[in-house]
Structures are given as C-alpha cells and as structure tokens.
Amino acid sequence: MKFPEIVTPGVLLSLLILATWTGCAPSSVSENPALRETAQPVLSRKAPPALYLPETGHEFEPVRAGTPVSHDFFVRNVGENVLYLRKISGG
C-alpha cells in the first residue's frame, strides 16, 4: 500500500505511540463503580444566602471637620446557606 508523502515513517510512529498511550489510560471514575459512589458532589438543597439590609445608607448631621463619626449598619442573612462578606468599604 502506498501512503501519501505526508505520511512519513516518523508520522506513523507518532500515531502508533499516541494510540498506544491513550489505550493505556487508567479507567475514569465513570467506568469504575466503586469510585462512582464516592465521587458524586454533595448538592445543597438549602436556599442560597441572601443579604438583608434594613438600612442601606445614613446621612450624618453636619459636624466640624476632623470630628470622628460612626454608624452601625445591621446585616442579616435571610437565606439558608452561609453568607460571606468579603469586602466592605465606606463611600
């Protein structure tokens, strides 16, 4: 059998090595029943976290420059999963 010029002995050897290598791959989780049972992700049926802010802003009364002021904002998670507050800043 005559192959086109593109199919050189080096290309044939590369294809043979690739076919052998992929045929020797370990079985995947889906093929192994023992692993299939332990590899399933745990899905939460809880509602996602939900942030509730009774107050979303605050206006301070006029104060002298340099006077420290503060205000407490109350935050509540009304969802069922954990709510993470990663970054909080004043504007």
PDB file of N, CA and C in Angstrom:
ATOM      1  N   MET A   1       0.851  -1.168   0.000  1.00  0.00           N
ATOM      2  CA  MET A   1       0.000   0.000   0.000  1.00  0.00           C
ATOM      3  C   MET A   1       0.897   1.233   0.000  1.00  0.00           C
ATOM      4  N   LYS A   2       0.567   2.192  -0.828  1.00  0.00           N
ATOM      5  CA  LYS A   2       1.365   3.411  -0.924  1.00  0.00           C
ATOM      6  C   LYS A   2       0.637   4.543  -0.192  1.00  0.00           C
ATOM      7  N   PHE A   3       1.354   5.203   0.747  1.00  0.00           N
ATOM      8  CA  PHE A   3       0.795   6.318   1.501  1.00  0.00           C
ATOM      9  C   PHE A   3       1.184   7.629   0.837  1.00  0.00           C
ATOM     10  N   PRO A   4       0.383   8.681   1.043  1.00  0.00           N
ATOM     11  CA  PRO A   4       0.773   9.990   0.523  1.00  0.00           C
ATOM     12  C   PRO A   4       2.089  10.428   1.162  1.00  0.00           C
ATOM     13  N   GLU A   5       2.765  11.384   0.533  1.00  0.00           N
ATOM     14  CA  GLU A   5       4.069  11.829   1.028  1.00  0.00           C
ATOM     15  C   GLU A   5       3.996  12.429   2.426  1.00  0.00           C
ATOM     16  N   ILE A   6       2.846  12.902   2.820  1.00  0.00           N
ATOM     17  CA  ILE A   6       2.676  13.491   4.157  1.00  0.00           C
ATOM     18  C   ILE A   6       2.858  12.439   5.243  1.00  0.00           C
ATOM     19  N   VAL A   7       2.516  11.203   4.961  1.00  0.00           N
ATOM     20  CA  VAL A   7       2.605  10.132   5.946  1.00  0.00           C
ATOM     21  C   VAL A   7       4.002   9.529   5.857  1.00  0.00           C
ATOM     22  N   THR A   8       4.887  10.062   6.677  1.00  0.00           N
ATOM     23  CA  THR A   8       6.264   9.572   6.726  1.00  0.00           C
ATOM     24  C   THR A   8       6.382   8.545   7.835  1.00  0.00           C
ATOM     25  N   PRO A   9       7.469   7.794   7.884  1.00  0.00           N
ATOM     26  CA  PRO A   9       7.646   6.837   8.979  1.00  0.00           C
ATOM     27  C   PRO A   9       7.579   7.503  10.357  1.00  0.00           C
ATOM     28  N   GLY A  10       8.063   8.734  10.465  1.00  0.00           N
ATOM     29  CA  GLY A  10       8.005   9.449  11.747  1.00  0.00           C
ATOM     30  C   GLY A  10       6.572   9.756  12.165  1.00  0.00           C
ATOM     31  N   VAL A  11       5.732  10.145  11.201  1.00  0.00           N
ATOM     32  CA  VAL A  11       4.323  10.427  11.483  1.00  0.00           C
ATOM     33  C   VAL A  11       3.613   9.146  11.890  1.00  0.00           C
ATOM     34  N   LEU A  12       3.892   8.050  11.178  1.00  0.00           N
ATOM     35  CA  LEU A  12       3.275   6.768  11.528  1.00  0.00           C
ATOM     36  C   LEU A  12       3.679   6.325  12.927  1.00  0.00           C
ATOM     37  N   LEU A  13       4.959   6.489  13.263  1.00  0.00           N
ATOM     38  CA  LEU A  13       5.433   6.117  14.592  1.00  0.00           C
ATOM     39  C   LEU A  13       4.756   6.975  15.659  1.00  0.00           C
ATOM     40  N   SER A  14       4.612   8.270  15.406  1.00  0.00           N
ATOM     41  CA  SER A  14       3.937   9.165  16.360  1.00  0.00           C
ATOM     42  C   SER A  14       2.490   8.747  16.576  1.00  0.00           C
ATOM     43  N   LEU A  15       1.792   8.400  15.497  1.00  0.00           N
ATOM     44  CA  LEU A  15       0.400   7.959  15.624  1.00  0.00           C
ATOM     45  C   LEU A  15       0.299   6.650  16.399  1.00  0.00           C
ATOM     46  N   LEU A  16       1.244   5.736  16.162  1.00  0.00           N
ATOM     47  CA  LEU A  16       1.253   4.470  16.881  1.00  0.00           C
ATOM     48  C   LEU A  16       1.484   4.686  18.370  1.00  0.00           C
ATOM     49  N   ILE A  17       2.429   5.556  18.712  1.00  0.00           N
ATOM     50  CA  ILE A  17       2.701   5.855  20.127  1.00  0.00           C
ATOM     51  C   ILE A  17       1.490   6.515  20.769  1.00  0.00           C
ATOM     52  N   LEU A  18       0.863   7.450  20.080  1.00  0.00           N
ATOM     53  CA  LEU A  18      -0.314   8.134  20.612  1.00  0.00           C
ATOM     54  C   LEU A  18      -1.459   7.154  20.844  1.00  0.00           C
ATOM     55  N   ALA A  19      -1.690   6.261  19.890  1.00  0.00           N
ATOM     56  CA  ALA A  19      -2.772   5.280  20.031  1.00  0.00           C
ATOM     57  C   ALA A  19      -2.498   4.332  21.187  1.00  0.00           C
ATOM     58  N   THR A  20      -1.238   3.926  21.353  1.00  0.00           N
ATOM     59  CA  THR A  20      -0.881   3.029  22.452  1.00  0.00           C
ATOM     60  C   THR A  20      -1.023   3.744  23.788  1.00  0.00           C
ATOM     61  N   TRP A  21      -0.573   4.984  23.848  1.00  0.00           N
ATOM     62  CA  TRP A  21      -0.610   5.736  25.094  1.00  0.00           C
ATOM     63  C   TRP A  21      -2.047   5.998  25.546  1.00  0.00           C
ATOM     64  N   THR A  22      -2.922   6.388  24.631  1.00  0.00           N
ATOM     65  CA  THR A  22      -4.312   6.655  25.009  1.00  0.00           C
ATOM     66  C   THR A  22      -5.048   5.374  25.346  1.00  0.00           C
ATOM     67  N   GLY A  23      -4.651   4.264  24.767  1.00  0.00           N
ATOM     68  CA  GLY A  23      -5.289   2.990  25.089  1.00  0.00           C
ATOM     69  C   GLY A  23      -4.910   2.478  26.459  1.00  0.00           C
ATOM     70  N   CYS A  24      -3.804   2.970  27.023  1.00  0.00           N
ATOM     71  CA  CYS A  24      -3.337   2.521  28.335  1.00  0.00           C
ATOM     72  C   CYS A  24      -3.748   3.468  29.446  1.00  0.00           C
ATOM     73  N   ALA A  25      -4.594   4.416  29.162  1.00  0.00           N
ATOM     74  CA  ALA A  25      -5.017   5.383  30.177  1.00  0.00           C
ATOM     75  C   ALA A  25      -5.789   4.676  31.275  1.00  0.00           C
ATOM     76  N   PRO A  26      -5.629   5.105  32.526  1.00  0.00           N
ATOM     77  CA  PRO A  26      -6.385   4.481  33.613  1.00  0.00           C
ATOM     78  C   PRO A  26      -7.879   4.703  33.431  1.00  0.00           C
ATOM     79  N   SER A  27      -8.656   3.828  34.007  1.00  0.00           N
ATOM     80  CA  SER A  27     -10.107   3.958  33.858  1.00  0.00           C
ATOM     81  C   SER A  27     -10.587   5.219  34.551  1.00  0.00           C
ATOM     82  N   SER A  28     -11.579   5.835  33.990  1.00  0.00           N
ATOM     83  CA  SER A  28     -12.122   7.050  34.578  1.00  0.00           C
ATOM     84  C   SER A  28     -13.069   6.684  35.710  1.00  0.00           C
ATOM     85  N   VAL A  29     -13.471   7.683  36.466  1.00  0.00           N
ATOM     86  CA  VAL A  29     -14.375   7.462  37.593  1.00  0.00           C
ATOM     87  C   VAL A  29     -15.684   6.856  37.121  1.00  0.00           C
ATOM     88  N   SER A  30     -16.163   7.290  35.962  1.00  0.00           N
ATOM     89  CA  SER A  30     -17.457   6.799  35.492  1.00  0.00           C
ATOM     90  C   SER A  30     -17.410   5.317  35.121  1.00  0.00           C
ATOM     91  N   GLU A  31     -16.224   4.774  34.813  1.00  0.00           N
ATOM     92  CA  GLU A  31     -16.098   3.369  34.453  1.00  0.00           C
ATOM     93  C   GLU A  31     -15.898   2.478  35.671  1.00  0.00           C
ATOM     94  N   ASN A  32     -15.543   3.052  36.796  1.00  0.00           N
ATOM     95  CA  ASN A  32     -15.260   2.271  37.990  1.00  0.00           C
ATOM     96  C   ASN A  32     -16.401   2.459  38.987  1.00  0.00           C
ATOM     97  N   PRO A  33     -17.277   1.443  39.173  1.00  0.00           N
ATOM     98  CA  PRO A  33     -18.439   1.611  40.054  1.00  0.00           C
ATOM     99  C   PRO A  33     -18.072   1.922  41.498  1.00  0.00           C
ATOM    100  N   ALA A  34     -16.955   1.423  41.984  1.00  0.00           N
ATOM    101  CA  ALA A  34     -16.565   1.686  43.372  1.00  0.00           C
ATOM    102  C   ALA A  34     -16.256   3.159  43.582  1.00  0.00           C
ATOM    103  N   LEU A  35     -15.642   3.783  42.585  1.00  0.00           N
ATOM    104  CA  LEU A  35     -15.323   5.204  42.701  1.00  0.00           C
ATOM    105  C   LEU A  35     -16.513   6.088  42.390  1.00  0.00           C
ATOM    106  N   ARG A  36     -17.415   5.616  41.576  1.00  0.00           N
ATOM    107  CA  ARG A  36     -18.563   6.410  41.155  1.00  0.00           C
ATOM    108  C   ARG A  36     -19.399   6.834  42.354  1.00  0.00           C
ATOM    109  N   GLU A  37     -19.557   5.955  43.342  1.00  0.00           N
ATOM    110  CA  GLU A  37     -20.395   6.270  44.506  1.00  0.00           C
ATOM    111  C   GLU A  37     -19.778   7.350  45.371  1.00  0.00           C
ATOM    112  N   THR A  38     -18.457   7.361  45.522  1.00  0.00           N
ATOM    113  CA  THR A  38     -17.822   8.331  46.402  1.00  0.00           C
ATOM    114  C   THR A  38     -17.483   9.634  45.699  1.00  0.00           C
ATOM    115  N   ALA A  39     -17.534   9.676  44.387  1.00  0.00           N
ATOM    116  CA  ALA A  39     -17.115  10.866  43.659  1.00  0.00           C
ATOM    117  C   ALA A  39     -18.260  11.820  43.351  1.00  0.00           C
ATOM    118  N   GLN A  40     -19.459  11.528  43.794  1.00  0.00           N
ATOM    119  CA  GLN A  40     -20.596  12.396  43.498  1.00  0.00           C
ATOM    120  C   GLN A  40     -20.518  13.664  44.344  1.00  0.00           C
ATOM    121  N   PRO A  41     -20.736  14.836  43.751  1.00  0.00           N
ATOM    122  CA  PRO A  41     -20.720  16.069  44.534  1.00  0.00           C
ATOM    123  C   PRO A  41     -21.927  16.136  45.463  1.00  0.00           C
ATOM    124  N   VAL A  42     -21.728  16.794  46.570  1.00  0.00           N
ATOM    125  CA  VAL A  42     -22.824  16.975  47.516  1.00  0.00           C
ATOM    126  C   VAL A  42     -23.528  18.276  47.153  1.00  0.00           C
ATOM    127  N   LEU A  43     -24.761  18.166  46.754  1.00  0.00           N
ATOM    128  CA  LEU A  43     -25.529  19.346  46.375  1.00  0.00           C
ATOM    129  C   LEU A  43     -26.400  19.771  47.541  1.00  0.00           C
ATOM    130  N   SER A  44     -26.357  21.032  47.839  1.00  0.00           N
ATOM    131  CA  SER A  44     -27.155  21.551  48.938  1.00  0.00           C
ATOM    132  C   SER A  44     -28.558  21.874  48.441  1.00  0.00           C
ATOM    133  N   ARG A  45     -29.524  21.491  49.208  1.00  0.00           N
ATOM    134  CA  ARG A  45     -30.911  21.817  48.867  1.00  0.00           C
ATOM    135  C   ARG A  45     -31.373  23.067  49.614  1.00  0.00           C
ATOM    136  N   LYS A  46     -30.457  23.692  50.322  1.00  0.00           N
ATOM    137  CA  LYS A  46     -30.795  24.910  51.046  1.00  0.00           C
ATOM    138  C   LYS A  46     -30.881  26.086  50.075  1.00  0.00           C
ATOM    139  N   ALA A  47     -31.642  27.074  50.480  1.00  0.00           N
ATOM    140  CA  ALA A  47     -31.742  28.301  49.680  1.00  0.00           C
ATOM    141  C   ALA A  47     -30.390  29.013  49.706  1.00  0.00           C
ATOM    142  N   PRO A  48     -30.037  29.730  48.652  1.00  0.00           N
ATOM    143  CA  PRO A  48     -28.757  30.445  48.636  1.00  0.00           C
ATOM    144  C   PRO A  48     -28.760  31.555  49.682  1.00  0.00           C
ATOM    145  N   PRO A  49     -27.575  32.045  50.049  1.00  0.00           N
ATOM    146  CA  PRO A  49     -27.538  33.144  51.006  1.00  0.00           C
ATOM    147  C   PRO A  49     -28.216  34.377  50.415  1.00  0.00           C
ATOM    148  N   ALA A  50     -28.811  35.174  51.274  1.00  0.00           N
ATOM    149  CA  ALA A  50     -29.490  36.391  50.821  1.00  0.00           C
ATOM    150  C   ALA A  50     -29.256  37.484  51.854  1.00  0.00           C
ATOM    151  N   LEU A  51     -28.708  38.580  51.411  1.00  0.00           N
ATOM    152  CA  LEU A  51     -28.387  39.696  52.295  1.00  0.00           C
ATOM    153  C   LEU A  51     -29.612  40.581  52.490  1.00  0.00           C
ATOM    154  N   TYR A  52     -29.904  40.896  53.749  1.00  0.00           N
ATOM    155  CA  TYR A  52     -30.989  41.823  54.065  1.00  0.00           C
ATOM    156  C   TYR A  52     -30.389  42.987  54.838  1.00  0.00           C
ATOM    157  N   LEU A  53     -30.572  44.189  54.308  1.00  0.00           N
ATOM    158  CA  LEU A  53     -30.114  45.410  54.968  1.00  0.00           C
ATOM    159  C   LEU A  53     -31.325  46.279  55.248  1.00  0.00           C
ATOM    160  N   PRO A  54     -31.731  46.417  56.507  1.00  0.00           N
ATOM    161  CA  PRO A  54     -32.876  47.276  56.786  1.00  0.00           C
ATOM    162  C   PRO A  54     -32.591  48.736  56.429  1.00  0.00           C
ATOM    163  N   GLU A  55     -31.321  49.100  56.427  1.00  0.00           N
ATOM    164  CA  GLU A  55     -30.924  50.478  56.138  1.00  0.00           C
ATOM    165  C   GLU A  55     -29.734  50.426  55.175  1.00  0.00           C
ATOM    166  N   THR A  56     -29.838  51.049  54.013  1.00  0.00           N
ATOM    167  CA  THR A  56     -28.756  50.979  53.026  1.00  0.00           C
ATOM    168  C   THR A  56     -27.896  52.231  52.970  1.00  0.00           C
ATOM    169  N   GLY A  57     -28.222  53.232  53.741  1.00  0.00           N
ATOM    170  CA  GLY A  57     -27.433  54.458  53.756  1.00  0.00           C
ATOM    171  C   GLY A  57     -27.692  55.233  55.036  1.00  0.00           C
ATOM    172  N   HIS A  58     -26.835  56.212  55.308  1.00  0.00           N
ATOM    173  CA  HIS A  58     -27.010  57.042  56.500  1.00  0.00           C
ATOM    174  C   HIS A  58     -26.451  58.428  56.210  1.00  0.00           C
ATOM    175  N   GLU A  59     -27.222  59.455  56.529  1.00  0.00           N
ATOM    176  CA  GLU A  59     -26.787  60.846  56.398  1.00  0.00           C
ATOM    177  C   GLU A  59     -26.412  61.360  57.779  1.00  0.00           C
ATOM    178  N   PHE A  60     -25.161  61.774  57.947  1.00  0.00           N
ATOM    179  CA  PHE A  60     -24.737  62.347  59.217  1.00  0.00           C
ATOM    180  C   PHE A  60     -25.153  63.810  59.283  1.00  0.00           C
ATOM    181  N   GLU A  61     -25.435  64.252  60.488  1.00  0.00           N
ATOM    182  CA  GLU A  61     -25.692  65.675  60.717  1.00  0.00           C
ATOM    183  C   GLU A  61     -24.380  66.425  60.477  1.00  0.00           C
ATOM    184  N   PRO A  62     -24.447  67.693  60.138  1.00  0.00           N
ATOM    185  CA  PRO A  62     -23.199  68.448  59.942  1.00  0.00           C
ATOM    186  C   PRO A  62     -22.337  68.428  61.211  1.00  0.00           C
ATOM    187  N   VAL A  63     -21.045  68.178  61.022  1.00  0.00           N
ATOM    188  CA  VAL A  63     -20.082  68.173  62.134  1.00  0.00           C
ATOM    189  C   VAL A  63     -18.857  68.964  61.699  1.00  0.00           C
ATOM    190  N   ARG A  64     -18.061  69.359  62.661  1.00  0.00           N
ATOM    191  CA  ARG A  64     -16.820  70.074  62.352  1.00  0.00           C
ATOM    192  C   ARG A  64     -15.844  69.121  61.669  1.00  0.00           C
ATOM    193  N   ALA A  65     -15.068  69.649  60.757  1.00  0.00           N
ATOM    194  CA  ALA A  65     -14.066  68.851  60.050  1.00  0.00           C
ATOM    195  C   ALA A  65     -13.117  68.211  61.056  1.00  0.00           C
ATOM    196  N   GLY A  66     -12.805  66.951  60.840  1.00  0.00           N
ATOM    197  CA  GLY A  66     -11.885  66.225  61.716  1.00  0.00           C
ATOM    198  C   GLY A  66     -12.565  65.514  62.867  1.00  0.00           C
ATOM    199  N   THR A  67     -13.867  65.749  63.056  1.00  0.00           N
ATOM    200  CA  THR A  67     -14.594  65.072  64.130  1.00  0.00           C
ATOM    201  C   THR A  67     -14.939  63.657  63.678  1.00  0.00           C
ATOM    202  N   PRO A  68     -14.517  62.646  64.442  1.00  0.00           N
ATOM    203  CA  PRO A  68     -14.857  61.276  64.035  1.00  0.00           C
ATOM    204  C   PRO A  68     -16.357  61.011  64.192  1.00  0.00           C
ATOM    205  N   VAL A  69     -16.915  60.319  63.244  1.00  0.00           N
ATOM    206  CA  VAL A  69     -18.325  59.933  63.294  1.00  0.00           C
ATOM    207  C   VAL A  69     -18.419  58.428  63.036  1.00  0.00           C
ATOM    208  N   SER A  70     -19.479  57.820  63.524  1.00  0.00           N
ATOM    209  CA  SER A  70     -19.669  56.390  63.268  1.00  0.00           C
ATOM    210  C   SER A  70     -21.156  56.081  63.201  1.00  0.00           C
ATOM    211  N   HIS A  71     -21.454  54.971  62.592  1.00  0.00           N
ATOM    212  CA  HIS A  71     -22.831  54.499  62.491  1.00  0.00           C
ATOM    213  C   HIS A  71     -22.789  52.986  62.349  1.00  0.00           C
ATOM    214  N   ASP A  72     -23.683  52.298  62.999  1.00  0.00           N
ATOM    215  CA  ASP A  72     -23.762  50.843  62.896  1.00  0.00           C
ATOM    216  C   ASP A  72     -24.814  50.458  61.862  1.00  0.00           C
ATOM    217  N   PHE A  73     -24.416  49.628  60.925  1.00  0.00           N
ATOM    218  CA  PHE A  73     -25.346  49.049  59.968  1.00  0.00           C
ATOM    219  C   PHE A  73     -25.594  47.609  60.385  1.00  0.00           C
ATOM    220  N   PHE A  74     -26.832  47.210  60.386  1.00  0.00           N
ATOM    221  CA  PHE A  74     -27.179  45.838  60.740  1.00  0.00           C
ATOM    222  C   PHE A  74     -27.390  45.038  59.465  1.00  0.00           C
ATOM    223  N   VAL A  75     -26.785  43.876  59.428  1.00  0.00           N
ATOM    224  CA  VAL A  75     -26.826  42.996  58.267  1.00  0.00           C
ATOM    225  C   VAL A  75     -27.410  41.672  58.716  1.00  0.00           C
ATOM    226  N   ARG A  76     -28.278  41.123  57.879  1.00  0.00           N
ATOM    227  CA  ARG A  76     -28.885  39.835  58.230  1.00  0.00           C
ATOM    228  C   ARG A  76     -28.885  38.929  56.998  1.00  0.00           C
ATOM    229  N   ASN A  77     -28.541  37.671  57.210  1.00  0.00           N
ATOM    230  CA  ASN A  77     -28.613  36.672  56.152  1.00  0.00           C
ATOM    231  C   ASN A  77     -29.981  36.008  56.260  1.00  0.00           C
ATOM    232  N   VAL A  78     -30.855  36.260  55.294  1.00  0.00           N
ATOM    233  CA  VAL A  78     -32.188  35.657  55.317  1.00  0.00           C
ATOM    234  C   VAL A  78     -32.246  34.385  54.474  1.00  0.00           C
ATOM    235  N   GLY A  79     -31.111  33.990  53.901  1.00  0.00           N
ATOM    236  CA  GLY A  79     -31.032  32.729  53.165  1.00  0.00           C
ATOM    237  C   GLY A  79     -30.695  31.597  54.117  1.00  0.00           C
ATOM    238  N   GLU A  80     -30.518  30.412  53.560  1.00  0.00           N
ATOM    239  CA  GLU A  80     -30.231  29.249  54.395  1.00  0.00           C
ATOM    240  C   GLU A  80     -28.768  28.826  54.350  1.00  0.00           C
ATOM    241  N   ASN A  81     -28.019  29.214  53.321  1.00  0.00           N
ATOM    242  CA  ASN A  81     -26.602  28.882  53.250  1.00  0.00           C
ATOM    243  C   ASN A  81     -25.780  30.003  53.853  1.00  0.00           C
ATOM    244  N   VAL A  82     -24.502  29.749  54.063  1.00  0.00           N
ATOM    245  CA  VAL A  82     -23.601  30.711  54.683  1.00  0.00           C
ATOM    246  C   VAL A  82     -23.394  31.906  53.757  1.00  0.00           C
ATOM    247  N   LEU A  83     -23.441  33.089  54.327  1.00  0.00           N
ATOM    248  CA  LEU A  83     -23.193  34.327  53.593  1.00  0.00           C
ATOM    249  C   LEU A  83     -21.813  34.832  53.986  1.00  0.00           C
ATOM    250  N   TYR A  84     -20.941  35.033  53.004  1.00  0.00           N
ATOM    251  CA  TYR A  84     -19.602  35.551  53.259  1.00  0.00           C
ATOM    252  C   TYR A  84     -19.545  37.001  52.808  1.00  0.00           C
ATOM    253  N   LEU A  85     -19.114  37.887  53.700  1.00  0.00           N
ATOM    254  CA  LEU A  85     -18.889  39.291  53.358  1.00  0.00           C
ATOM    255  C   LEU A  85     -17.392  39.434  53.151  1.00  0.00           C
ATOM    256  N   ARG A  86     -16.974  39.566  51.919  1.00  0.00           N
ATOM    257  CA  ARG A  86     -15.547  39.545  51.601  1.00  0.00           C
ATOM    258  C   ARG A  86     -14.906  40.936  51.628  1.00  0.00           C
ATOM    259  N   LYS A  87     -15.645  41.959  51.243  1.00  0.00           N
ATOM    260  CA  LYS A  87     -15.066  43.297  51.212  1.00  0.00           C
ATOM    261  C   LYS A  87     -16.153  44.302  51.554  1.00  0.00           C
ATOM    262  N   ILE A  88     -15.871  45.119  52.546  1.00  0.00           N
ATOM    263  CA  ILE A  88     -16.815  46.151  52.957  1.00  0.00           C
ATOM    264  C   ILE A  88     -16.050  47.466  52.992  1.00  0.00           C
ATOM    265  N   SER A  89     -16.633  48.503  52.412  1.00  0.00           N
ATOM    266  CA  SER A  89     -15.968  49.801  52.439  1.00  0.00           C
ATOM    267  C   SER A  89     -17.011  50.905  52.503  1.00  0.00           C
ATOM    268  N   GLY A  90     -16.594  52.014  53.035  1.00  0.00           N
ATOM    269  CA  GLY A  90     -17.464  53.182  53.107  1.00  0.00           C
ATOM    270  C   GLY A  90     -17.300  54.030  51.856  1.00  0.00           C
ATOM    271  N   GLY A  91     -18.314  54.742  51.505  1.00  0.00           N
ATOM    272  CA  GLY A  91     -18.239  55.521  50.274  1.00  0.00           C
ATOM    273  C   GLY A  91     -18.256  56.949  50.565  1.00  0.00           C
TER     274      GLY A  91
END
